[in-house]
């Protein structure tokens, strides 16, 4: 995955799609995706994360979390 992500198609990431239950837009900016992953991590079924989605989360963590992922309790 390249370092610069323009927009994320939520339909390519099943768990992201599920935690965005209150949004209708298909494309999401990376900063918003990272924020939602952190805020709604308890709703993410980690066993269902695809390798592609794990890679996205890692990329977002490095880019927007400065290497830290602070999952809400």
N, C-alpha and C. Protein backbone atom coordinates (compact mmCIF):
# COMPACT_ATOMS: atom_id res chain seq x y z
N UNK A 1 0.85 -1.17 0.00
CA UNK A 1 0.00 0.00 0.00
C UNK A 1 0.89 1.23 0.00
N UNK A 2 0.57 2.18 -0.84
CA UNK A 2 1.39 3.38 -0.89
C UNK A 2 1.13 4.24 0.34
N UNK A 3 2.03 5.18 0.60
CA UNK A 3 1.95 5.99 1.81
C UNK A 3 0.86 7.05 1.77
N UNK A 4 0.45 7.46 0.57
CA UNK A 4 -0.57 8.49 0.46
C UNK A 4 -1.87 7.85 -0.01
N UNK A 5 -2.86 7.91 0.84
CA UNK A 5 -4.17 7.35 0.52
C UNK A 5 -5.12 8.51 0.30
N UNK A 6 -5.75 8.56 -0.85
CA UNK A 6 -6.67 9.66 -1.15
C UNK A 6 -8.01 9.44 -0.46
N UNK A 7 -8.70 8.39 -0.83
CA UNK A 7 -9.98 8.03 -0.23
C UNK A 7 -10.05 6.52 -0.13
N UNK A 8 -10.79 6.06 0.83
CA UNK A 8 -10.93 4.63 1.08
C UNK A 8 -12.34 4.21 0.70
N UNK A 9 -12.43 3.17 -0.12
CA UNK A 9 -13.72 2.59 -0.46
C UNK A 9 -14.08 1.60 0.63
N UNK A 10 -15.03 1.96 1.45
CA UNK A 10 -15.39 1.15 2.60
C UNK A 10 -15.85 -0.25 2.24
N UNK A 11 -16.34 -0.44 1.02
CA UNK A 11 -16.83 -1.75 0.58
C UNK A 11 -15.68 -2.75 0.38
N UNK A 12 -14.44 -2.25 0.32
CA UNK A 12 -13.28 -3.12 0.18
C UNK A 12 -12.78 -3.64 1.53
N UNK A 13 -13.35 -3.11 2.62
CA UNK A 13 -12.90 -3.45 3.97
C UNK A 13 -14.13 -3.79 4.82
N UNK A 14 -14.45 -5.07 4.95
CA UNK A 14 -15.70 -5.50 5.58
C UNK A 14 -15.93 -4.97 7.00
N UNK A 15 -14.93 -4.98 7.84
CA UNK A 15 -15.12 -4.51 9.21
C UNK A 15 -15.29 -3.00 9.26
N UNK A 16 -14.57 -2.28 8.44
CA UNK A 16 -14.75 -0.83 8.35
C UNK A 16 -16.17 -0.52 7.90
N UNK A 17 -16.63 -1.26 6.93
CA UNK A 17 -17.99 -1.05 6.43
C UNK A 17 -19.01 -1.25 7.56
N UNK A 18 -18.80 -2.25 8.38
CA UNK A 18 -19.73 -2.51 9.49
C UNK A 18 -19.72 -1.41 10.54
N UNK A 19 -18.54 -0.88 10.87
CA UNK A 19 -18.49 0.15 11.92
C UNK A 19 -18.92 1.52 11.42
N UNK A 20 -19.12 1.63 10.13
CA UNK A 20 -19.63 2.90 9.58
C UNK A 20 -21.13 2.81 9.35
N UNK A 21 -21.84 2.15 10.27
CA UNK A 21 -23.27 1.92 10.12
C UNK A 21 -24.08 3.22 10.03
N UNK A 22 -23.54 4.30 10.55
CA UNK A 22 -24.29 5.55 10.58
C UNK A 22 -23.91 6.52 9.46
N UNK A 23 -23.16 6.04 8.49
CA UNK A 23 -22.76 6.88 7.34
C UNK A 23 -23.23 6.24 6.05
N UNK A 24 -23.60 7.07 5.11
CA UNK A 24 -24.07 6.55 3.83
C UNK A 24 -23.03 6.67 2.73
N UNK A 25 -22.04 7.52 2.93
CA UNK A 25 -21.02 7.71 1.89
C UNK A 25 -20.16 6.46 1.73
N UNK A 26 -19.90 6.13 0.49
CA UNK A 26 -19.10 4.93 0.21
C UNK A 26 -17.61 5.20 0.39
N UNK A 27 -17.16 6.39 0.02
CA UNK A 27 -15.75 6.76 0.15
C UNK A 27 -15.56 7.57 1.42
N UNK A 28 -14.47 7.29 2.09
CA UNK A 28 -14.17 7.96 3.35
C UNK A 28 -12.71 8.42 3.33
N UNK A 29 -12.46 9.59 3.86
CA UNK A 29 -11.08 10.07 3.91
C UNK A 29 -10.32 9.28 4.97
N UNK A 30 -9.04 9.07 4.78
CA UNK A 30 -8.26 8.22 5.68
C UNK A 30 -8.30 8.65 7.15
N UNK A 31 -8.24 9.95 7.41
CA UNK A 31 -8.27 10.43 8.79
C UNK A 31 -9.56 10.00 9.48
N UNK A 32 -10.69 10.08 8.78
CA UNK A 32 -11.97 9.66 9.36
C UNK A 32 -12.00 8.16 9.60
N UNK A 33 -11.45 7.40 8.66
CA UNK A 33 -11.41 5.94 8.82
C UNK A 33 -10.59 5.58 10.06
N UNK A 34 -9.44 6.20 10.21
CA UNK A 34 -8.59 5.92 11.38
C UNK A 34 -9.33 6.26 12.67
N UNK A 35 -9.97 7.41 12.71
CA UNK A 35 -10.72 7.83 13.89
C UNK A 35 -11.83 6.84 14.22
N UNK A 36 -12.56 6.38 13.21
CA UNK A 36 -13.65 5.43 13.46
C UNK A 36 -13.12 4.08 13.93
N UNK A 37 -12.01 3.63 13.34
CA UNK A 37 -11.41 2.38 13.83
C UNK A 37 -11.07 2.51 15.32
N UNK A 38 -10.45 3.61 15.71
CA UNK A 38 -10.09 3.79 17.12
C UNK A 38 -11.34 3.88 18.00
N UNK A 39 -12.30 4.70 17.60
CA UNK A 39 -13.49 4.92 18.41
C UNK A 39 -14.36 3.67 18.55
N UNK A 40 -14.43 2.88 17.49
CA UNK A 40 -15.38 1.76 17.47
C UNK A 40 -14.68 0.39 17.43
N UNK A 41 -13.45 0.35 17.89
CA UNK A 41 -12.67 -0.88 17.84
C UNK A 41 -13.36 -2.05 18.53
N UNK A 42 -14.10 -1.77 19.59
CA UNK A 42 -14.77 -2.86 20.32
C UNK A 42 -15.82 -3.57 19.46
N UNK A 43 -16.24 -2.92 18.38
CA UNK A 43 -17.22 -3.53 17.47
C UNK A 43 -16.57 -4.28 16.31
N UNK A 44 -15.27 -4.19 16.20
CA UNK A 44 -14.53 -4.86 15.13
C UNK A 44 -14.29 -6.31 15.53
N UNK A 45 -14.69 -7.23 14.67
CA UNK A 45 -14.41 -8.65 14.90
C UNK A 45 -13.02 -8.91 14.32
N UNK A 46 -12.03 -8.89 15.19
CA UNK A 46 -10.65 -9.00 14.74
C UNK A 46 -10.36 -10.30 14.01
N UNK A 47 -11.11 -11.34 14.32
CA UNK A 47 -10.94 -12.62 13.63
C UNK A 47 -11.37 -12.54 12.17
N UNK A 48 -12.18 -11.56 11.84
CA UNK A 48 -12.68 -11.42 10.47
C UNK A 48 -11.91 -10.39 9.65
N UNK A 49 -10.90 -9.78 10.25
CA UNK A 49 -10.10 -8.81 9.50
C UNK A 49 -9.32 -9.53 8.40
N UNK A 50 -9.44 -9.04 7.19
CA UNK A 50 -8.68 -9.61 6.08
C UNK A 50 -7.25 -9.08 6.13
N UNK A 51 -6.32 -9.76 5.48
CA UNK A 51 -4.95 -9.22 5.42
C UNK A 51 -4.92 -7.81 4.84
N UNK A 52 -5.76 -7.56 3.85
CA UNK A 52 -5.81 -6.23 3.23
C UNK A 52 -6.27 -5.18 4.25
N UNK A 53 -7.25 -5.53 5.07
CA UNK A 53 -7.75 -4.58 6.06
C UNK A 53 -6.72 -4.38 7.18
N UNK A 54 -6.04 -5.43 7.56
CA UNK A 54 -4.96 -5.30 8.56
C UNK A 54 -3.88 -4.37 8.05
N UNK A 55 -3.56 -4.49 6.77
CA UNK A 55 -2.55 -3.62 6.16
C UNK A 55 -3.03 -2.17 6.16
N UNK A 56 -4.31 -1.96 5.87
CA UNK A 56 -4.87 -0.62 5.89
C UNK A 56 -4.77 -0.02 7.29
N UNK A 57 -5.15 -0.78 8.30
CA UNK A 57 -5.10 -0.29 9.68
C UNK A 57 -3.67 0.06 10.06
N UNK A 58 -2.73 -0.78 9.67
CA UNK A 58 -1.32 -0.50 9.96
C UNK A 58 -0.86 0.78 9.27
N UNK A 59 -1.23 0.95 8.02
CA UNK A 59 -0.86 2.14 7.26
C UNK A 59 -1.48 3.39 7.90
N UNK A 60 -2.74 3.31 8.28
CA UNK A 60 -3.41 4.44 8.92
C UNK A 60 -2.77 4.75 10.27
N UNK A 61 -2.41 3.72 11.00
CA UNK A 61 -1.78 3.91 12.30
C UNK A 61 -0.45 4.63 12.16
N UNK A 62 0.33 4.25 11.17
CA UNK A 62 1.62 4.91 10.95
C UNK A 62 1.42 6.35 10.47
N UNK A 63 0.47 6.55 9.58
CA UNK A 63 0.28 7.87 8.98
C UNK A 63 -0.45 8.86 9.89
N UNK A 64 -1.49 8.40 10.56
CA UNK A 64 -2.34 9.32 11.31
C UNK A 64 -2.25 9.15 12.82
N UNK A 65 -1.75 8.01 13.25
CA UNK A 65 -1.59 7.78 14.69
C UNK A 65 -0.14 7.88 15.14
N UNK A 66 0.73 8.23 14.19
CA UNK A 66 2.17 8.34 14.47
C UNK A 66 2.70 7.07 15.13
N UNK A 67 2.16 5.93 14.67
CA UNK A 67 2.62 4.64 15.16
C UNK A 67 1.82 4.09 16.33
N UNK A 68 0.82 4.86 16.80
CA UNK A 68 0.02 4.44 17.95
C UNK A 68 -1.43 4.30 17.57
N UNK A 69 -2.02 3.18 17.98
CA UNK A 69 -3.45 2.93 17.78
C UNK A 69 -4.09 2.88 19.16
N UNK A 70 -4.91 3.87 19.47
CA UNK A 70 -5.52 3.99 20.79
C UNK A 70 -6.99 3.60 20.71
N UNK A 71 -7.23 2.33 20.87
CA UNK A 71 -8.59 1.82 20.80
C UNK A 71 -9.40 2.29 22.00
N UNK A 72 -10.59 2.77 21.74
CA UNK A 72 -11.49 3.18 22.83
C UNK A 72 -11.94 1.96 23.61
N UNK A 73 -12.05 2.12 24.89
CA UNK A 73 -12.46 1.01 25.75
C UNK A 73 -13.96 0.87 25.77
